Amino acid sequence: EVEAMKHPNRNLVSRDVGSADRQPFAPDFIDTYTFPLEPDAAILICSDGLCDQVTPDAILATVRRNARYPQAAVDA
């Protein structure tokens, strides 16, 4: 189990979108990352609540099992 899943403050929101006006080019407006991906790679984007219901290993197994069928992975 991932340590962050057990942290007592895991449900606290420390940053959000929309509750305060921000300038689009301010350094703290949004975090961006650049990294290489394989040609057939996929990125799973989900809420943090998913890890409260399903283990990371189960999520990975589901995504791998449905690798060529994104909607099936979402449904599973």
Protein backbone atom coordinates (compact mmCIF):
# COMPACT_ATOMS: atom_id res chain seq x y z
CA GLU A 1 0.00 0.00 0.00
CA VAL A 2 1.26 3.49 -0.84
CA GLU A 3 2.19 5.56 2.23
CA ALA A 4 0.26 8.60 0.94
CA MET A 5 -2.92 6.51 1.07
CA LYS A 6 -2.52 6.21 4.86
CA HIS A 7 -1.62 9.82 5.63
CA PRO A 8 -4.15 11.37 8.07
CA ASN A 9 -4.38 14.56 5.96
CA ARG A 10 -4.70 12.77 2.60
CA ASN A 11 -8.11 14.33 1.93
CA LEU A 12 -7.12 17.94 2.59
CA VAL A 13 -7.03 20.19 -0.46
CA SER A 14 -3.86 22.25 -0.57
CA ARG A 15 -4.37 23.67 -4.08
CA ASP A 16 -7.40 23.97 -6.29
CA VAL A 17 -8.58 25.50 -9.52
CA GLY A 18 -11.16 28.26 -9.50
CA SER A 19 -11.51 29.45 -5.89
CA ALA A 20 -9.14 32.40 -6.29
CA ASP A 21 -8.19 34.60 -9.21
CA ARG A 22 -4.77 33.73 -10.59
CA GLN A 23 -2.76 35.11 -13.43
CA PRO A 24 -2.32 32.47 -16.17
CA PHE A 25 1.45 32.94 -16.36
CA ALA A 26 2.13 33.17 -12.62
CA PRO A 27 4.67 30.54 -11.48
CA ASP A 28 2.19 28.89 -9.11
CA PHE A 29 -0.75 28.86 -11.55
CA ILE A 30 -0.24 25.28 -12.73
CA ASP A 31 2.44 22.62 -12.42
CA THR A 32 3.74 21.24 -15.68
CA TYR A 33 6.07 18.34 -16.33
CA THR A 34 7.75 17.08 -19.47
CA PHE A 35 8.83 13.47 -19.83
CA PRO A 36 9.20 10.97 -22.66
CA LEU A 37 6.52 8.38 -23.38
CA GLU A 38 6.64 5.25 -25.46
CA PRO A 39 4.62 5.51 -28.72
CA ASP A 40 1.83 3.29 -27.36
CA ALA A 41 1.89 4.67 -23.80
CA ALA A 42 -1.15 5.98 -21.97
CA ILE A 43 -1.64 8.21 -18.95
CA LEU A 44 -4.33 7.45 -16.39
CA ILE A 45 -5.85 10.57 -14.86
CA CYS A 46 -8.22 10.02 -11.95
CA SER A 47 -9.28 11.60 -8.69
CA ASP A 48 -7.40 10.78 -5.51
CA GLY A 49 -10.54 9.04 -4.28
CA LEU A 50 -9.89 6.11 -6.61
CA CYS A 51 -6.92 5.01 -4.48
CA ASP A 52 -9.18 4.96 -1.42
CA GLN A 53 -11.29 2.30 -3.15
CA VAL A 54 -8.81 0.36 -5.29
CA THR A 55 -5.16 -0.49 -4.63
CA PRO A 56 -2.49 0.86 -7.00
CA ASP A 57 -1.65 -2.74 -7.97
CA ALA A 58 -5.28 -3.41 -8.93
CA ILE A 59 -5.41 -0.17 -10.94
CA LEU A 60 -2.23 -1.12 -12.80
CA ALA A 61 -3.48 -4.65 -13.51
CA THR A 62 -6.79 -3.29 -14.84
CA VAL A 63 -5.07 -0.79 -17.11
CA ARG A 64 -2.62 -3.40 -18.40
CA ARG A 65 -5.40 -5.95 -18.99
CA ASN A 66 -7.30 -3.37 -21.07
CA ALA A 67 -4.26 -1.68 -22.62
CA ARG A 68 -5.64 -1.47 -26.15
CA TYR A 69 -9.16 -0.58 -25.06
CA PRO A 70 -9.20 2.68 -23.05
CA GLN A 71 -12.97 2.71 -22.53
CA ALA A 72 -12.85 -0.86 -21.22
CA ALA A 73 -10.15 0.18 -18.76
CA VAL A 74 -12.31 3.07 -17.56
CA ASP A 75 -15.37 0.85 -17.24
CA ALA A 76 -13.41 -1.83 -15.34
